[in-house]
Amino acid sequence: MQPHIVIPEKTLKAIAALLSVALADESVLYMKTRKFHWNVSGESFMELHLLFEKQYKELEEAIDEIAERINKLGSKTIGTMKEYMELTNLKEAPGKYPARMEMIKELLADHETIIVHLRKAVDECADKYKDAGTADFLTGLMEAHETDAWKLRRYL
């Protein structure tokens, strides 16, 4: 059953598509952050190991919230790596294990990429779709990425 919340079904589907891209980005960044958590070594090992763990746990929570938001708007939520890779704005590097400073730079670049795309999605939800709820939701997500990017940037 579709929700009756004054937003037309076609618009709800378009918003769900925007959210699915955000879900894909969060999921890819989650896996990359976990990979770096598992493989970081050298100076500041424990500090970075714990920072990456904190960040992937935050991403895990965001993933669940995005998936639930998609469902609240009446759509099904994607959930496979294939689907994520088709939608994500991020790049993976299979078989590559960068040094800790390169890990930080890569995660920072990914957070910044997500921030740019979320900022566009916020504007689209607010202006084009008139969905203040999703615009607000995505703004909170963007702010969390800004905080994580700031923390990573401090290491450089």
C-alpha atoms as a PDB file:
ATOM      1  CA  MET A   1       0.000   0.000   0.000  1.00  0.00           C
ATOM      2  CA  GLN A   2       1.354   3.411  -0.978  1.00  0.00           C
ATOM      3  CA  PRO A   3       1.566   6.148   1.655  1.00  0.00           C
ATOM      4  CA  HIS A   4      -0.907   9.015   1.377  1.00  0.00           C
ATOM      5  CA  ILE A   5       1.295  11.937   2.360  1.00  0.00           C
ATOM      6  CA  VAL A   6       0.444  14.575  -0.280  1.00  0.00           C
ATOM      7  CA  ILE A   7       3.439  13.602  -2.434  1.00  0.00           C
ATOM      8  CA  PRO A   8       2.437  11.962  -5.732  1.00  0.00           C
ATOM      9  CA  GLU A   9       3.498   8.349  -6.274  1.00  0.00           C
ATOM     10  CA  LYS A  10       5.741   9.292  -9.222  1.00  0.00           C
ATOM     11  CA  THR A  11       7.542  11.817  -7.021  1.00  0.00           C
ATOM     12  CA  LEU A  12       7.899   9.275  -4.197  1.00  0.00           C
ATOM     13  CA  LYS A  13       9.590   6.901  -6.654  1.00  0.00           C
ATOM     14  CA  ALA A  14      11.983   9.640  -7.787  1.00  0.00           C
ATOM     15  CA  ILE A  15      12.855  10.419  -4.165  1.00  0.00           C
ATOM     16  CA  ALA A  16      13.382   6.699  -3.478  1.00  0.00           C
ATOM     17  CA  ALA A  17      15.774   6.606  -6.433  1.00  0.00           C
ATOM     18  CA  LEU A  18      17.790   9.488  -4.899  1.00  0.00           C
ATOM     19  CA  LEU A  19      17.822   7.676  -1.583  1.00  0.00           C
ATOM     20  CA  SER A  20      18.958   4.464  -3.289  1.00  0.00           C
ATOM     21  CA  VAL A  21      22.044   6.259  -4.610  1.00  0.00           C
ATOM     22  CA  ALA A  22      22.756   7.510  -1.092  1.00  0.00           C
ATOM     23  CA  LEU A  23      22.276   3.963   0.206  1.00  0.00           C
ATOM     24  CA  ALA A  24      24.719   2.638  -2.393  1.00  0.00           C
ATOM     25  CA  ASP A  25      27.308   5.276  -1.496  1.00  0.00           C
ATOM     26  CA  GLU A  26      26.968   4.590   2.231  1.00  0.00           C
ATOM     27  CA  SER A  27      27.255   0.832   1.688  1.00  0.00           C
ATOM     28  CA  VAL A  28      30.378   1.079  -0.459  1.00  0.00           C
ATOM     29  CA  LEU A  29      31.996   3.502   1.986  1.00  0.00           C
ATOM     30  CA  TYR A  30      31.029   1.190   4.854  1.00  0.00           C
ATOM     31  CA  MET A  31      32.837  -1.745   3.240  1.00  0.00           C
ATOM     32  CA  LYS A  32      35.875   0.361   2.374  1.00  0.00           C
ATOM     33  CA  THR A  33      36.073   1.743   5.922  1.00  0.00           C
ATOM     34  CA  ARG A  34      35.836  -1.785   7.353  1.00  0.00           C
ATOM     35  CA  LYS A  35      38.560  -2.978   4.994  1.00  0.00           C
ATOM     36  CA  PHE A  36      40.830  -0.158   6.140  1.00  0.00           C
ATOM     37  CA  HIS A  37      39.934  -0.847   9.792  1.00  0.00           C
ATOM     38  CA  TRP A  38      41.053  -4.449   9.321  1.00  0.00           C
ATOM     39  CA  ASN A  39      44.231  -3.583   7.438  1.00  0.00           C
ATOM     40  CA  VAL A  40      45.591  -0.355   8.911  1.00  0.00           C
ATOM     41  CA  SER A  41      49.087  -0.684  10.388  1.00  0.00           C
ATOM     42  CA  GLY A  42      52.059   1.383  11.433  1.00  0.00           C
ATOM     43  CA  GLU A  43      52.181   4.613  13.377  1.00  0.00           C
ATOM     44  CA  SER A  44      48.904   5.531  15.073  1.00  0.00           C
ATOM     45  CA  PHE A  45      47.602   2.017  14.351  1.00  0.00           C
ATOM     46  CA  MET A  46      45.255   1.797  17.334  1.00  0.00           C
ATOM     47  CA  GLU A  47      44.007   5.364  16.987  1.00  0.00           C
ATOM     48  CA  LEU A  48      43.129   4.852  13.298  1.00  0.00           C
ATOM     49  CA  HIS A  49      41.796   1.357  13.924  1.00  0.00           C
ATOM     50  CA  LEU A  50      39.354   2.807  16.474  1.00  0.00           C
ATOM     51  CA  LEU A  51      38.507   5.857  14.331  1.00  0.00           C
ATOM     52  CA  PHE A  52      37.660   3.650  11.353  1.00  0.00           C
ATOM     53  CA  GLU A  53      35.585   1.385  13.606  1.00  0.00           C
ATOM     54  CA  LYS A  54      33.612   4.351  14.934  1.00  0.00           C
ATOM     55  CA  GLN A  55      33.017   5.597  11.411  1.00  0.00           C
ATOM     56  CA  TYR A  56      31.878   2.263   9.980  1.00  0.00           C
ATOM     57  CA  LYS A  57      29.464   1.838  12.883  1.00  0.00           C
ATOM     58  CA  GLU A  58      28.002   5.278  12.116  1.00  0.00           C
ATOM     59  CA  LEU A  59      27.736   4.294   8.439  1.00  0.00           C
ATOM     60  CA  GLU A  60      25.981   1.060   9.406  1.00  0.00           C
ATOM     61  CA  GLU A  61      23.378   3.068  11.306  1.00  0.00           C
ATOM     62  CA  ALA A  62      22.946   5.480   8.390  1.00  0.00           C
ATOM     63  CA  ILE A  63      22.494   2.566   5.981  1.00  0.00           C
ATOM     64  CA  ASP A  64      19.628   1.238   8.064  1.00  0.00           C
ATOM     65  CA  GLU A  65      18.006   4.675   8.355  1.00  0.00           C
ATOM     66  CA  ILE A  66      18.193   5.260   4.593  1.00  0.00           C
ATOM     67  CA  ALA A  67      16.739   1.829   3.860  1.00  0.00           C
ATOM     68  CA  GLU A  68      13.881   2.480   6.264  1.00  0.00           C
ATOM     69  CA  ARG A  69      13.256   5.927   4.739  1.00  0.00           C
ATOM     70  CA  ILE A  70      12.926   4.301   1.303  1.00  0.00           C
ATOM     71  CA  ASN A  71      10.376   1.874   2.750  1.00  0.00           C
ATOM     72  CA  LYS A  72       8.489   4.679   4.511  1.00  0.00           C
ATOM     73  CA  LEU A  73       8.049   6.333   1.124  1.00  0.00           C
ATOM     74  CA  GLY A  74       6.503   3.158  -0.286  1.00  0.00           C
ATOM     75  CA  SER A  75       9.400   1.644  -2.245  1.00  0.00           C
ATOM     76  CA  LYS A  76      11.469  -1.497  -1.905  1.00  0.00           C
ATOM     77  CA  THR A  77      15.065  -1.158  -0.762  1.00  0.00           C
ATOM     78  CA  ILE A  78      17.962  -2.494  -2.808  1.00  0.00           C
ATOM     79  CA  GLY A  79      20.393  -4.688  -0.926  1.00  0.00           C
ATOM     80  CA  THR A  80      23.044  -6.374  -3.057  1.00  0.00           C
ATOM     81  CA  MET A  81      26.595  -5.313  -3.823  1.00  0.00           C
ATOM     82  CA  LYS A  82      25.776  -5.531  -7.539  1.00  0.00           C
ATOM     83  CA  GLU A  83      22.939  -3.034  -7.097  1.00  0.00           C
ATOM     84  CA  TYR A  84      25.123  -0.773  -4.957  1.00  0.00           C
ATOM     85  CA  MET A  85      27.950  -0.806  -7.493  1.00  0.00           C
ATOM     86  CA  GLU A  86      25.538   0.136 -10.284  1.00  0.00           C
ATOM     87  CA  LEU A  87      24.397   3.236  -8.366  1.00  0.00           C
ATOM     88  CA  THR A  88      27.359   4.406  -6.303  1.00  0.00           C
ATOM     89  CA  ASN A  89      29.386   7.526  -6.961  1.00  0.00           C
ATOM     90  CA  LEU A  90      32.416   5.900  -5.288  1.00  0.00           C
ATOM     91  CA  LYS A  91      35.143   3.665  -6.674  1.00  0.00           C
ATOM     92  CA  GLU A  92      36.467   0.463  -5.205  1.00  0.00           C
ATOM     93  CA  ALA A  93      40.048  -0.779  -5.435  1.00  0.00           C
ATOM     94  CA  PRO A  94      39.958  -4.586  -5.153  1.00  0.00           C
ATOM     95  CA  GLY A  95      43.271  -6.151  -4.214  1.00  0.00           C
ATOM     96  CA  LYS A  96      44.794  -2.827  -3.173  1.00  0.00           C
ATOM     97  CA  TYR A  97      45.917  -2.210   0.401  1.00  0.00           C
ATOM     98  CA  PRO A  98      47.104   1.383   0.709  1.00  0.00           C
ATOM     99  CA  ALA A  99      49.327   2.702   3.473  1.00  0.00           C
ATOM    100  CA  ARG A 100      47.530   4.423   6.351  1.00  0.00           C
ATOM    101  CA  MET A 101      47.904   7.981   5.006  1.00  0.00           C
ATOM    102  CA  GLU A 102      46.535   6.889   1.631  1.00  0.00           C
ATOM    103  CA  MET A 103      43.645   5.214   3.450  1.00  0.00           C
ATOM    104  CA  ILE A 104      42.857   8.518   5.145  1.00  0.00           C
ATOM    105  CA  LYS A 105      43.066  10.441   1.851  1.00  0.00           C
ATOM    106  CA  GLU A 106      40.850   7.910   0.080  1.00  0.00           C
ATOM    107  CA  LEU A 107      38.203   7.920   2.811  1.00  0.00           C
ATOM    108  CA  LEU A 108      38.295  11.714   2.935  1.00  0.00           C
ATOM    109  CA  ALA A 109      37.770  11.923  -0.830  1.00  0.00           C
ATOM    110  CA  ASP A 110      34.849   9.491  -0.558  1.00  0.00           C
ATOM    111  CA  HIS A 111      33.186  11.469   2.235  1.00  0.00           C
ATOM    112  CA  GLU A 112      33.609  14.657   0.207  1.00  0.00           C
ATOM    113  CA  THR A 113      32.136  12.992  -2.892  1.00  0.00           C
ATOM    114  CA  ILE A 114      29.141  11.905  -0.836  1.00  0.00           C
ATOM    115  CA  ILE A 115      28.764  15.412   0.615  1.00  0.00           C
ATOM    116  CA  VAL A 116      28.634  16.932  -2.877  1.00  0.00           C
ATOM    117  CA  HIS A 117      25.982  14.434  -4.032  1.00  0.00           C
ATOM    118  CA  LEU A 118      23.943  14.759  -0.842  1.00  0.00           C
ATOM    119  CA  ARG A 119      23.952  18.548  -1.138  1.00  0.00           C
ATOM    120  CA  LYS A 120      22.452  18.228  -4.632  1.00  0.00           C
ATOM    121  CA  ALA A 121      19.902  15.678  -3.389  1.00  0.00           C
ATOM    122  CA  VAL A 122      18.889  17.971  -0.496  1.00  0.00           C
ATOM    123  CA  ASP A 123      18.223  20.803  -2.938  1.00  0.00           C
ATOM    124  CA  GLU A 124      16.323  18.517  -5.292  1.00  0.00           C
ATOM    125  CA  CYS A 125      14.140  17.125  -2.497  1.00  0.00           C
ATOM    126  CA  ALA A 126      13.398  20.582  -1.106  1.00  0.00           C
ATOM    127  CA  ASP A 127      12.961  22.565  -4.322  1.00  0.00           C
ATOM    128  CA  LYS A 128      11.856  20.129  -6.996  1.00  0.00           C
ATOM    129  CA  TYR A 129       9.956  17.520  -4.969  1.00  0.00           C
ATOM    130  CA  LYS A 130       8.776  19.700  -2.050  1.00  0.00           C
ATOM    131  CA  ASP A 131       9.691  16.917   0.392  1.00  0.00           C
ATOM    132  CA  ALA A 132      10.948  18.725   3.475  1.00  0.00           C
ATOM    133  CA  GLY A 133      11.186  15.467   5.445  1.00  0.00           C
ATOM    134  CA  THR A 134      13.638  13.814   3.072  1.00  0.00           C
ATOM    135  CA  ALA A 135      15.548  17.085   2.577  1.00  0.00           C
ATOM    136  CA  ASP A 136      15.962  17.328   6.359  1.00  0.00           C
ATOM    137  CA  PHE A 137      16.931  13.659   6.613  1.00  0.00           C
ATOM    138  CA  LEU A 138      19.581  14.047   3.898  1.00  0.00           C
ATOM    139  CA  THR A 139      20.856  17.262   5.510  1.00  0.00           C
ATOM    140  CA  GLY A 140      21.538  15.337   8.724  1.00  0.00           C
ATOM    141  CA  LEU A 141      23.332  12.644   6.747  1.00  0.00           C
ATOM    142  CA  MET A 142      25.407  15.284   4.956  1.00  0.00           C
ATOM    143  CA  GLU A 143      26.350  16.908   8.258  1.00  0.00           C
ATOM    144  CA  ALA A 144      27.557  13.560   9.606  1.00  0.00           C
ATOM    145  CA  HIS A 145      29.798  13.167   6.546  1.00  0.00           C
ATOM    146  CA  GLU A 146      31.095  16.704   7.019  1.00  0.00           C
ATOM    147  CA  THR A 147      32.101  15.780  10.570  1.00  0.00           C
ATOM    148  CA  ASP A 148      33.805  12.551   9.481  1.00  0.00           C
ATOM    149  CA  ALA A 149      35.598  14.365   6.651  1.00  0.00           C
ATOM    150  CA  TRP A 150      36.783  17.032   9.089  1.00  0.00           C
ATOM    151  CA  LYS A 151      38.166  14.359  11.438  1.00  0.00           C
ATOM    152  CA  LEU A 152      40.030  12.639   8.599  1.00  0.00           C
ATOM    153  CA  ARG A 153      41.318  15.952   7.223  1.00  0.00           C
ATOM    154  CA  ARG A 154      42.941  16.696  10.588  1.00  0.00           C
ATOM    155  CA  TYR A 155      45.388  13.803   9.997  1.00  0.00           C
ATOM    156  CA  LEU A 156      46.722  15.371   6.785  1.00  0.00           C
END
